[in-house]
Amino acid sequence: MRIKSALVGSFLLLGVAAPGFAQQGAGNGCTPAGVWYGGSVVAYKLTVVPLVPAGHYTVIFEGMYTNSVMKTTYSGQVEKKGDVYEGSLLALTTQNPAFLTSPPPNEMPDLVAAWMSLRMDDCNNMTNTMPFLGLYLGGGIWQPGPVWVNGKKPMIDAADLDLLYILTGGAPVVERYRRLPNSVSPKLLHK
């Protein structure tokens, strides 16, 4: 009787845990993991990498534009919340030409921070909505002393410049992405 109860309990536990395994991993291509292309006014290559625990992802947005002397890629982390993947994103930027060589002493870059919400439209199409996009000036972020003790906290304190008002008049940015296929038509291959 004990063995029968243990088997029934094991099958019940497996039935409860199985949906968690389906969130990401081998055999489940309908996750945001992969390489995407798209954007809105600006084009981006988006790379989404699964993390542990299931439902967490690293995101890396790489654009092809010049709006500053130097800018890093946008990177962040999202977490599955219902039918969306939400999280934060940031990049360092500067318009100081001194950064074209070795960074000058005591000069710090500005920080662009965003909040995003990725929604899978289907397995090959995704929409990203950003209701917050702010620029924090280097003088307010990188204060002397321990990080975040003396300086502004991105997405907690108000940004020095609300980029959504500049880009869209205050509306969220909405971007569309398409998954880069993981297969190629045989007729395109050179032999």
N, C-alpha and C. Protein backbone atom coordinates (compact mmCIF):
# COMPACT_ATOMS: atom_id res chain seq x y z
N MET A 1 0.82 -1.19 0.00
CA MET A 1 0.00 0.00 0.00
C MET A 1 0.86 1.26 0.00
N ARG A 2 1.97 1.21 0.77
CA ARG A 2 2.86 2.37 0.83
C ARG A 2 3.47 2.66 -0.53
N ILE A 3 3.86 1.62 -1.25
CA ILE A 3 4.48 1.80 -2.56
C ILE A 3 3.47 2.42 -3.50
N LYS A 4 2.22 1.95 -3.46
CA LYS A 4 1.18 2.49 -4.32
C LYS A 4 0.95 3.96 -4.00
N SER A 5 0.90 4.33 -2.73
CA SER A 5 0.72 5.73 -2.33
C SER A 5 1.90 6.58 -2.78
N ALA A 6 3.11 6.03 -2.64
CA ALA A 6 4.30 6.78 -3.07
C ALA A 6 4.28 6.99 -4.57
N LEU A 7 3.88 5.99 -5.35
CA LEU A 7 3.80 6.14 -6.79
C LEU A 7 2.76 7.19 -7.19
N VAL A 8 1.59 7.13 -6.57
CA VAL A 8 0.53 8.11 -6.87
C VAL A 8 1.02 9.51 -6.51
N GLY A 9 1.68 9.65 -5.36
CA GLY A 9 2.21 10.95 -4.95
C GLY A 9 3.27 11.46 -5.93
N SER A 10 4.13 10.55 -6.39
CA SER A 10 5.18 10.93 -7.35
C SER A 10 4.57 11.41 -8.66
N PHE A 11 3.53 10.70 -9.15
CA PHE A 11 2.88 11.12 -10.39
C PHE A 11 2.16 12.45 -10.23
N LEU A 12 1.56 12.67 -9.08
CA LEU A 12 0.91 13.96 -8.83
C LEU A 12 1.93 15.09 -8.80
N LEU A 13 3.05 14.85 -8.12
CA LEU A 13 4.11 15.85 -8.06
C LEU A 13 4.66 16.14 -9.45
N LEU A 14 4.87 15.12 -10.26
CA LEU A 14 5.36 15.30 -11.63
C LEU A 14 4.33 16.10 -12.44
N GLY A 15 3.07 15.83 -12.26
CA GLY A 15 2.02 16.56 -12.97
C GLY A 15 2.00 18.04 -12.62
N VAL A 16 2.31 18.36 -11.38
CA VAL A 16 2.36 19.76 -10.95
C VAL A 16 3.64 20.43 -11.45
N ALA A 17 4.75 19.71 -11.44
CA ALA A 17 6.04 20.29 -11.82
C ALA A 17 6.26 20.37 -13.32
N ALA A 18 5.62 19.52 -14.10
CA ALA A 18 5.86 19.46 -15.55
C ALA A 18 5.66 20.79 -16.26
N PRO A 19 4.62 21.56 -15.96
CA PRO A 19 4.49 22.84 -16.65
C PRO A 19 5.67 23.77 -16.44
N GLY A 20 6.35 23.67 -15.31
CA GLY A 20 7.53 24.49 -15.06
C GLY A 20 8.67 24.15 -16.01
N PHE A 21 8.78 22.84 -16.37
CA PHE A 21 9.82 22.44 -17.31
C PHE A 21 9.53 22.96 -18.71
N ALA A 22 8.28 23.20 -19.04
CA ALA A 22 7.91 23.64 -20.38
C ALA A 22 8.16 25.12 -20.62
N GLN A 23 8.53 25.88 -19.59
CA GLN A 23 8.73 27.31 -19.76
C GLN A 23 9.89 27.62 -20.69
N GLN A 24 10.93 26.85 -20.65
CA GLN A 24 12.10 27.06 -21.49
C GLN A 24 12.85 25.77 -21.59
N GLY A 25 13.72 25.66 -22.54
CA GLY A 25 14.56 24.49 -22.66
C GLY A 25 14.36 23.77 -23.97
N ALA A 26 15.04 22.67 -24.10
CA ALA A 26 15.02 21.89 -25.34
C ALA A 26 13.60 21.48 -25.70
N GLY A 27 13.27 21.60 -26.97
CA GLY A 27 11.96 21.18 -27.44
C GLY A 27 10.88 22.23 -27.33
N ASN A 28 11.14 23.35 -26.66
CA ASN A 28 10.13 24.39 -26.52
C ASN A 28 10.64 25.66 -27.18
N GLY A 29 10.38 25.80 -28.48
CA GLY A 29 10.86 26.96 -29.24
C GLY A 29 10.04 28.20 -29.05
N CYS A 30 8.90 28.11 -28.39
CA CYS A 30 8.02 29.26 -28.26
C CYS A 30 8.30 30.01 -26.96
N THR A 31 9.54 30.43 -26.81
CA THR A 31 9.96 31.29 -25.71
C THR A 31 10.64 32.49 -26.36
N PRO A 32 10.93 33.53 -25.60
CA PRO A 32 11.64 34.66 -26.21
C PRO A 32 13.11 34.37 -26.48
N ALA A 33 13.65 33.25 -26.01
CA ALA A 33 15.07 32.94 -26.22
C ALA A 33 15.39 32.87 -27.70
N GLY A 34 16.47 33.55 -28.10
CA GLY A 34 16.89 33.51 -29.49
C GLY A 34 17.37 34.87 -29.95
N VAL A 35 17.52 34.99 -31.27
CA VAL A 35 17.97 36.23 -31.90
C VAL A 35 16.80 36.81 -32.69
N TRP A 36 16.58 38.10 -32.51
CA TRP A 36 15.43 38.79 -33.11
C TRP A 36 15.91 40.03 -33.86
N TYR A 37 15.12 40.51 -34.81
CA TYR A 37 15.41 41.77 -35.49
C TYR A 37 14.13 42.58 -35.57
N GLY A 38 14.29 43.91 -35.48
CA GLY A 38 13.11 44.78 -35.53
C GLY A 38 13.38 46.09 -34.84
N GLY A 39 12.38 46.58 -34.13
CA GLY A 39 12.46 47.86 -33.44
C GLY A 39 11.26 48.71 -33.79
N SER A 40 11.46 50.03 -33.76
CA SER A 40 10.39 50.96 -34.15
C SER A 40 11.03 52.00 -35.05
N VAL A 41 11.26 53.20 -34.53
CA VAL A 41 11.92 54.23 -35.31
C VAL A 41 13.38 53.85 -35.55
N VAL A 42 13.98 53.15 -34.60
CA VAL A 42 15.37 52.70 -34.68
C VAL A 42 15.37 51.18 -34.79
N ALA A 43 16.23 50.62 -35.66
CA ALA A 43 16.34 49.17 -35.82
C ALA A 43 17.30 48.60 -34.77
N TYR A 44 16.96 47.41 -34.28
CA TYR A 44 17.79 46.74 -33.29
C TYR A 44 17.94 45.27 -33.62
N LYS A 45 19.06 44.71 -33.19
CA LYS A 45 19.23 43.26 -33.08
C LYS A 45 19.02 42.97 -31.61
N LEU A 46 18.13 42.06 -31.30
CA LEU A 46 17.81 41.71 -29.92
C LEU A 46 18.21 40.26 -29.69
N THR A 47 19.02 40.03 -28.66
CA THR A 47 19.40 38.68 -28.27
C THR A 47 18.81 38.41 -26.89
N VAL A 48 18.11 37.29 -26.76
CA VAL A 48 17.48 36.91 -25.49
C VAL A 48 18.05 35.56 -25.07
N VAL A 49 18.64 35.51 -23.87
CA VAL A 49 19.32 34.32 -23.37
C VAL A 49 18.62 33.84 -22.10
N PRO A 50 18.21 32.55 -22.06
CA PRO A 50 17.55 32.04 -20.85
C PRO A 50 18.50 31.99 -19.65
N LEU A 51 17.94 32.24 -18.49
CA LEU A 51 18.67 32.17 -17.22
C LEU A 51 18.00 31.15 -16.32
N VAL A 52 18.57 30.94 -15.18
CA VAL A 52 17.96 30.12 -14.13
C VAL A 52 17.58 31.08 -13.02
N PRO A 53 16.39 31.00 -12.48
CA PRO A 53 15.35 30.00 -12.67
C PRO A 53 14.58 30.22 -13.98
N ALA A 54 13.79 29.21 -14.34
CA ALA A 54 12.98 29.28 -15.55
C ALA A 54 12.14 30.55 -15.55
N GLY A 55 12.00 31.15 -16.73
CA GLY A 55 11.21 32.37 -16.84
C GLY A 55 12.01 33.64 -16.72
N HIS A 56 13.32 33.54 -16.47
CA HIS A 56 14.22 34.70 -16.38
C HIS A 56 15.11 34.70 -17.61
N TYR A 57 15.35 35.90 -18.18
CA TYR A 57 16.14 36.01 -19.40
C TYR A 57 17.02 37.26 -19.35
N THR A 58 18.21 37.15 -19.94
CA THR A 58 19.05 38.32 -20.20
C THR A 58 18.68 38.83 -21.59
N VAL A 59 18.56 40.16 -21.74
CA VAL A 59 18.25 40.75 -23.04
C VAL A 59 19.37 41.72 -23.42
N ILE A 60 19.74 41.70 -24.70
CA ILE A 60 20.78 42.60 -25.21
C ILE A 60 20.26 43.22 -26.51
N PHE A 61 20.04 44.54 -26.49
CA PHE A 61 19.59 45.28 -27.67
C PHE A 61 20.80 45.99 -28.27
N GLU A 62 21.05 45.78 -29.55
CA GLU A 62 22.15 46.45 -30.23
C GLU A 62 21.58 47.22 -31.42
N GLY A 63 21.73 48.53 -31.40
CA GLY A 63 21.22 49.38 -32.47
C GLY A 63 22.32 49.83 -33.40
N MET A 64 21.92 50.31 -34.57
CA MET A 64 22.88 50.86 -35.54
C MET A 64 22.55 52.33 -35.74
N TYR A 65 23.06 53.15 -34.87
CA TYR A 65 22.83 54.58 -34.96
C TYR A 65 23.90 55.31 -34.16
N THR A 66 24.06 56.57 -34.43
CA THR A 66 25.01 57.38 -33.68
C THR A 66 24.25 58.60 -33.19
N ASN A 67 24.10 58.69 -31.89
CA ASN A 67 23.48 59.88 -31.31
C ASN A 67 24.33 60.42 -30.16
N SER A 68 25.53 59.89 -30.07
CA SER A 68 26.43 60.35 -29.02
C SER A 68 27.85 60.01 -29.43
N VAL A 69 28.80 60.52 -28.70
CA VAL A 69 30.19 60.19 -28.98
C VAL A 69 30.40 58.69 -28.75
N MET A 70 29.80 58.16 -27.72
CA MET A 70 29.96 56.75 -27.40
C MET A 70 28.72 56.25 -26.66
N LYS A 71 28.32 55.00 -26.95
CA LYS A 71 27.20 54.38 -26.25
C LYS A 71 27.43 52.88 -26.19
N THR A 72 27.16 52.28 -25.04
CA THR A 72 27.23 50.83 -24.92
C THR A 72 25.92 50.24 -25.44
N THR A 73 25.89 48.92 -25.62
CA THR A 73 24.64 48.27 -25.98
C THR A 73 23.68 48.36 -24.79
N TYR A 74 22.39 48.23 -25.07
CA TYR A 74 21.40 48.16 -24.00
C TYR A 74 21.35 46.71 -23.53
N SER A 75 21.43 46.50 -22.23
CA SER A 75 21.31 45.15 -21.69
C SER A 75 20.49 45.19 -20.42
N GLY A 76 19.88 44.06 -20.13
CA GLY A 76 19.04 43.99 -18.94
C GLY A 76 18.57 42.58 -18.69
N GLN A 77 17.56 42.46 -17.83
CA GLN A 77 17.00 41.17 -17.47
C GLN A 77 15.50 41.30 -17.38
N VAL A 78 14.80 40.30 -17.92
CA VAL A 78 13.34 40.26 -17.82
C VAL A 78 12.93 38.98 -17.10
N GLU A 79 11.72 39.03 -16.54
CA GLU A 79 11.15 37.90 -15.83
C GLU A 79 9.73 37.68 -16.33
N LYS A 80 9.35 36.43 -16.53
CA LYS A 80 8.00 36.11 -16.99
C LYS A 80 7.00 36.43 -15.89
N LYS A 81 6.02 37.27 -16.24
CA LYS A 81 4.94 37.64 -15.32
C LYS A 81 3.63 37.51 -16.10
N GLY A 82 2.96 36.40 -15.91
CA GLY A 82 1.75 36.14 -16.69
C GLY A 82 2.12 35.88 -18.14
N ASP A 83 1.56 36.67 -19.06
CA ASP A 83 1.86 36.46 -20.47
C ASP A 83 2.85 37.48 -21.02
N VAL A 84 3.56 38.20 -20.13
CA VAL A 84 4.59 39.15 -20.57
C VAL A 84 5.91 38.86 -19.83
N TYR A 85 6.97 39.42 -20.37
CA TYR A 85 8.30 39.33 -19.76
C TYR A 85 8.71 40.76 -19.45
N GLU A 86 8.80 41.10 -18.15
CA GLU A 86 9.06 42.48 -17.75
C GLU A 86 10.41 42.60 -17.07
N GLY A 87 11.02 43.78 -17.25
CA GLY A 87 12.26 44.03 -16.56
C GLY A 87 12.91 45.33 -16.98
N SER A 88 14.14 45.50 -16.51
CA SER A 88 14.85 46.75 -16.72
C SER A 88 15.96 46.58 -17.75
N LEU A 89 16.45 47.73 -18.20
CA LEU A 89 17.40 47.78 -19.29
C LEU A 89 18.25 49.01 -19.09
N LEU A 90 19.55 48.96 -19.43
CA LEU A 90 20.36 50.17 -19.33
C LEU A 90 21.49 50.17 -20.33
N ALA A 91 22.00 51.37 -20.59
CA ALA A 91 23.18 51.58 -21.42
C ALA A 91 23.91 52.79 -20.88
N LEU A 92 25.22 52.82 -21.06
CA LEU A 92 26.01 54.01 -20.72
C LEU A 92 26.18 54.82 -22.00
N THR A 93 26.17 56.14 -21.88
CA THR A 93 26.30 57.01 -23.04
C THR A 93 27.03 58.29 -22.65
N THR A 94 27.66 58.93 -23.62
CA THR A 94 28.30 60.22 -23.37
C THR A 94 28.40 60.99 -24.68
N GLN A 95 28.39 62.31 -24.57
CA GLN A 95 28.64 63.17 -25.71
C GLN A 95 29.95 63.93 -25.52
N ASN A 96 30.72 63.50 -24.54
CA ASN A 96 32.00 64.13 -24.23
C ASN A 96 33.07 63.54 -25.15
N PRO A 97 33.63 64.33 -26.08
CA PRO A 97 34.63 63.79 -27.01
C PRO A 97 35.89 63.28 -26.31
N ALA A 98 36.10 63.65 -25.05
CA ALA A 98 37.26 63.15 -24.32
C ALA A 98 37.20 61.63 -24.17
N PHE A 99 36.01 61.03 -24.28
CA PHE A 99 35.86 59.59 -24.13
C PHE A 99 36.30 58.83 -25.39
N LEU A 100 36.64 59.53 -26.47
CA LEU A 100 37.11 58.85 -27.68
C LEU A 100 38.50 58.25 -27.49
N THR A 101 39.22 58.71 -26.49
CA THR A 101 40.51 58.12 -26.13
C THR A 101 40.33 57.48 -24.77
N SER A 102 41.37 57.31 -24.03
CA SER A 102 41.23 56.76 -22.67
C SER A 102 40.30 57.66 -21.88
N PRO A 103 39.34 57.09 -21.13
CA PRO A 103 38.41 57.93 -20.37
C PRO A 103 39.15 58.92 -19.47
N PRO A 104 38.72 60.16 -19.49
CA PRO A 104 39.38 61.17 -18.65
C PRO A 104 39.13 60.91 -17.16
N PRO A 105 40.12 61.23 -16.32
CA PRO A 105 39.93 61.04 -14.88
C PRO A 105 38.76 61.87 -14.36
N ASN A 106 37.99 61.29 -13.48
CA ASN A 106 36.86 61.95 -12.81
C ASN A 106 35.73 62.33 -13.74
N GLU A 107 35.71 61.86 -14.98
CA GLU A 107 34.59 62.08 -15.90
C GLU A 107 33.80 60.79 -15.98
N MET A 108 32.51 60.85 -15.78
CA MET A 108 31.70 59.65 -15.81
C MET A 108 30.62 59.78 -16.87
N PRO A 109 30.25 58.66 -17.52
CA PRO A 109 29.23 58.73 -18.56
C PRO A 109 27.83 58.90 -17.97
N ASP A 110 26.89 59.23 -18.85
CA ASP A 110 25.48 59.27 -18.47
C ASP A 110 24.92 57.85 -18.54
N LEU A 111 23.74 57.66 -17.98
CA LEU A 111 23.12 56.34 -17.96
C LEU A 111 21.70 56.46 -18.52
N VAL A 112 21.38 55.62 -19.50
CA VAL A 112 20.01 55.53 -20.04
C VAL A 112 19.38 54.29 -19.41
N ALA A 113 18.22 54.44 -18.79
CA ALA A 113 17.53 53.32 -18.16
C ALA A 113 16.12 53.22 -18.72
N ALA A 114 15.62 51.99 -18.83
CA ALA A 114 14.28 51.77 -19.37
C ALA A 114 13.60 50.64 -18.63
N TRP A 115 12.28 50.65 -18.66
CA TRP A 115 11.45 49.54 -18.20
C TRP A 115 10.76 49.00 -19.43
N MET A 116 10.77 47.68 -19.59
CA MET A 116 10.19 47.10 -20.80
C MET A 116 9.27 45.95 -20.47
N SER A 117 8.39 45.68 -21.43
CA SER A 117 7.43 44.59 -21.32
C SER A 117 7.36 43.89 -22.67
N LEU A 118 7.96 42.69 -22.75
CA LEU A 118 7.96 41.91 -23.98
C LEU A 118 6.76 40.98 -23.99
N ARG A 119 6.06 40.94 -25.11
CA ARG A 119 4.89 40.05 -25.26
C ARG A 119 5.09 39.22 -26.53
N MET A 120 4.99 37.90 -26.38
CA MET A 120 5.07 37.02 -27.54
C MET A 120 3.74 37.08 -28.28
N ASP A 121 3.76 37.61 -29.52
CA ASP A 121 2.54 37.64 -30.33
C ASP A 121 2.24 36.24 -30.86
N ASP A 122 3.27 35.52 -31.23
CA ASP A 122 3.27 34.10 -31.58
C ASP A 122 4.71 33.64 -31.42
N CYS A 123 5.05 32.45 -31.86
CA CYS A 123 6.41 31.93 -31.62
C CYS A 123 7.49 32.69 -32.38
N ASN A 124 7.13 33.45 -33.41
CA ASN A 124 8.12 34.13 -34.24
C ASN A 124 7.99 35.65 -34.25
N ASN A 125 7.06 36.20 -33.49
CA ASN A 125 6.84 37.64 -33.46
C ASN A 125 6.65 38.10 -32.02
N MET A 126 7.24 39.24 -31.70
CA MET A 126 7.21 39.74 -30.33
C MET A 126 7.03 41.26 -30.36
N THR A 127 6.33 41.79 -29.38
CA THR A 127 6.15 43.24 -29.22
C THR A 127 6.80 43.67 -27.91
N ASN A 128 7.58 44.74 -27.97
CA ASN A 128 8.20 45.32 -26.77
C ASN A 128 7.59 46.69 -26.53
N THR A 129 7.06 46.92 -25.34
CA THR A 129 6.51 48.22 -24.95
C THR A 129 7.37 48.77 -23.82
N MET A 130 7.81 50.02 -24.00
CA MET A 130 8.64 50.68 -22.97
C MET A 130 7.88 51.89 -22.45
N PRO A 131 7.28 51.79 -21.23
CA PRO A 131 6.57 52.93 -20.65
C PRO A 131 7.48 53.88 -19.88
N PHE A 132 8.78 53.55 -19.78
CA PHE A 132 9.74 54.44 -19.13
C PHE A 132 11.05 54.37 -19.88
N LEU A 133 11.63 55.53 -20.21
CA LEU A 133 12.94 55.63 -20.83
C LEU A 133 13.52 56.96 -20.37
N GLY A 134 14.55 56.89 -19.53
CA GLY A 134 15.08 58.11 -18.94
C GLY A 134 16.59 58.22 -19.04
N LEU A 135 17.09 59.45 -19.11
CA LEU A 135 18.52 59.72 -19.13
C LEU A 135 18.90 60.31 -17.78
N TYR A 136 19.88 59.68 -17.14
CA TYR A 136 20.43 60.16 -15.88
C TYR A 136 21.82 60.71 -16.17
N LEU A 137 22.03 61.97 -15.89
CA LEU A 137 23.31 62.61 -16.18
C LEU A 137 24.38 62.11 -15.22
N GLY A 138 25.58 61.93 -15.76
CA GLY A 138 26.69 61.35 -15.00
C GLY A 138 26.96 62.02 -13.67
N GLY A 139 26.80 63.33 -13.61
CA GLY A 139 27.06 64.05 -12.36
C GLY A 139 26.10 63.66 -11.25
N GLY A 140 24.89 63.19 -11.60
CA GLY A 140 23.91 62.81 -10.58
C GLY A 140 23.95 61.35 -10.20
N ILE A 141 24.56 60.52 -11.05
CA ILE A 141 24.60 59.08 -10.80
C ILE A 141 25.86 58.67 -10.05
N TRP A 142 26.99 59.09 -10.55
CA TRP A 142 28.28 58.60 -10.06
C TRP A 142 28.85 59.55 -9.00
N GLN A 143 28.19 59.63 -7.88
CA GLN A 143 28.66 60.49 -6.80
C GLN A 143 29.77 59.79 -6.02
N PRO A 144 30.70 60.56 -5.42
CA PRO A 144 31.73 59.92 -4.60
C PRO A 144 31.11 59.11 -3.46
N GLY A 145 31.77 58.04 -3.11
CA GLY A 145 31.27 57.20 -2.03
C GLY A 145 30.70 55.91 -2.58
N PRO A 146 30.14 55.08 -1.72
CA PRO A 146 29.59 53.80 -2.18
C PRO A 146 28.51 54.02 -3.23
N VAL A 147 28.47 53.12 -4.22
CA VAL A 147 27.49 53.24 -5.29
C VAL A 147 26.08 53.27 -4.69
N TRP A 148 25.25 54.14 -5.20
CA TRP A 148 23.84 54.33 -4.85
C TRP A 148 23.61 54.96 -3.48
N VAL A 149 24.66 55.25 -2.74
CA VAL A 149 24.45 55.92 -1.46
C VAL A 149 24.26 57.41 -1.69
N ASN A 150 25.15 58.01 -2.48
CA ASN A 150 25.09 59.46 -2.69
C ASN A 150 24.43 59.86 -3.99
N GLY A 151 24.38 58.98 -4.98
CA GLY A 151 23.86 59.34 -6.30
C GLY A 151 22.39 59.00 -6.47
N LYS A 152 21.84 59.43 -7.62
CA LYS A 152 20.46 59.09 -7.97
C LYS A 152 20.35 57.59 -8.24
N LYS A 153 19.17 57.04 -8.01
CA LYS A 153 18.90 55.64 -8.28
C LYS A 153 18.05 55.56 -9.54
N PRO A 154 18.59 54.96 -10.64
CA PRO A 154 17.81 54.84 -11.86
C PRO A 154 16.48 54.13 -11.63
N MET A 155 15.45 54.64 -12.21
CA MET A 155 14.08 54.12 -12.17
C MET A 155 13.44 54.19 -10.78
N ILE A 156 14.16 54.73 -9.81
CA ILE A 156 13.58 55.03 -8.50
C ILE A 156 13.45 56.55 -8.40
N ASP A 157 14.55 57.26 -8.66
CA ASP A 157 14.53 58.72 -8.70
C ASP A 157 14.15 59.17 -10.11
N ALA A 158 13.57 60.35 -10.22
CA ALA A 158 13.18 60.88 -11.53
C ALA A 158 14.43 61.06 -12.41
N ALA A 159 14.27 60.74 -13.70
CA ALA A 159 15.37 60.92 -14.65
C ALA A 159 15.62 62.41 -14.85
N ASP A 160 16.87 62.74 -15.20
CA ASP A 160 17.18 64.13 -15.53
C ASP A 160 16.50 64.54 -16.83
N LEU A 161 16.28 63.58 -17.71
CA LEU A 161 15.63 63.85 -18.99
C LEU A 161 14.70 62.68 -19.30
N ASP A 162 13.39 62.94 -19.42
CA ASP A 162 12.42 61.91 -19.79
C ASP A 162 12.45 61.76 -21.30
N LEU A 163 13.10 60.70 -21.79
CA LEU A 163 13.30 60.53 -23.23
C LEU A 163 12.01 60.22 -23.98
N LEU A 164 10.98 59.73 -23.29
CA LEU A 164 9.71 59.46 -23.97
C LEU A 164 9.04 60.76 -24.43
N TYR A 165 9.19 61.84 -23.65
CA TYR A 165 8.62 63.12 -24.10
C TYR A 165 9.32 63.62 -25.35
N ILE A 166 10.62 63.37 -25.45
CA ILE A 166 11.37 63.80 -26.62
C ILE A 166 11.05 62.94 -27.84
N LEU A 167 10.98 61.62 -27.64
CA LEU A 167 10.80 60.70 -28.76
C LEU A 167 9.36 60.56 -29.24
N THR A 168 8.41 60.55 -28.30
CA THR A 168 7.02 60.22 -28.66
C THR A 168 6.00 61.20 -28.11
N GLY A 169 6.44 62.28 -27.51
CA GLY A 169 5.50 63.20 -26.88
C GLY A 169 4.96 62.68 -25.56
N GLY A 170 5.57 61.64 -25.01
CA GLY A 170 5.16 61.10 -23.71
C GLY A 170 4.50 59.73 -23.80
N ALA A 171 4.23 59.22 -25.00
CA ALA A 171 3.63 57.89 -25.15
C ALA A 171 4.71 56.82 -25.01
N PRO A 172 4.34 55.62 -24.56
CA PRO A 172 5.32 54.54 -24.51
C PRO A 172 5.87 54.23 -25.91
N VAL A 173 7.11 53.78 -25.97
CA VAL A 173 7.69 53.31 -27.23
C VAL A 173 7.18 51.88 -27.44
N VAL A 174 6.71 51.58 -28.65
CA VAL A 174 6.25 50.24 -28.99
C VAL A 174 7.10 49.75 -30.15
N GLU A 175 7.74 48.59 -29.95
CA GLU A 175 8.61 48.01 -30.97
C GLU A 175 8.09 46.64 -31.37
N ARG A 176 8.37 46.25 -32.60
CA ARG A 176 7.99 44.92 -33.09
C ARG A 176 9.26 44.17 -33.50
N TYR A 177 9.32 42.89 -33.13
CA TYR A 177 10.47 42.06 -33.44
C TYR A 177 10.03 40.76 -34.10
N ARG A 178 10.90 40.26 -34.97
CA ARG A 178 10.69 38.99 -35.66
C ARG A 178 11.88 38.08 -35.35
N ARG A 179 11.60 36.82 -35.07
CA ARG A 179 12.66 35.86 -34.74
C ARG A 179 13.48 35.53 -35.98
N LEU A 180 14.81 35.49 -35.83
CA LEU A 180 15.69 35.02 -36.89
C LEU A 180 15.55 33.50 -36.93
N PRO A 181 15.19 32.93 -38.10
CA PRO A 181 14.99 31.47 -38.17
C PRO A 181 16.25 30.69 -37.82
N ASN A 182 16.06 29.50 -37.31
CA ASN A 182 17.17 28.60 -36.99
C ASN A 182 17.39 27.56 -38.08
N SER A 183 16.81 27.79 -39.25
CA SER A 183 17.00 26.88 -40.37
C SER A 183 17.18 27.72 -41.63
N VAL A 184 17.69 27.09 -42.68
CA VAL A 184 17.92 27.78 -43.94
C VAL A 184 17.37 26.91 -45.07
N SER A 185 16.82 27.55 -46.07
CA SER A 185 16.33 26.82 -47.23
C SER A 185 17.52 26.16 -47.93
N PRO A 186 17.45 24.86 -48.21
CA PRO A 186 18.56 24.17 -48.88
C PRO A 186 18.93 24.81 -50.23
N LYS A 187 17.98 25.41 -50.92
CA LYS A 187 18.27 26.01 -52.22
C LYS A 187 19.13 27.27 -52.10
N LEU A 188 19.26 27.81 -50.89
CA LEU A 188 20.11 28.99 -50.69
C LEU A 188 21.57 28.65 -50.39
N LEU A 189 21.82 27.37 -50.09
CA LEU A 189 23.16 26.94 -49.70
C LEU A 189 24.03 26.73 -50.94
N HIS A 190 25.25 27.24 -50.90
CA HIS A 190 26.21 27.04 -51.98
C HIS A 190 26.90 25.69 -51.78
N LYS A 191 27.04 24.97 -52.86
CA LYS A 191 27.65 23.63 -52.76
C LYS A 191 29.00 23.64 -53.41
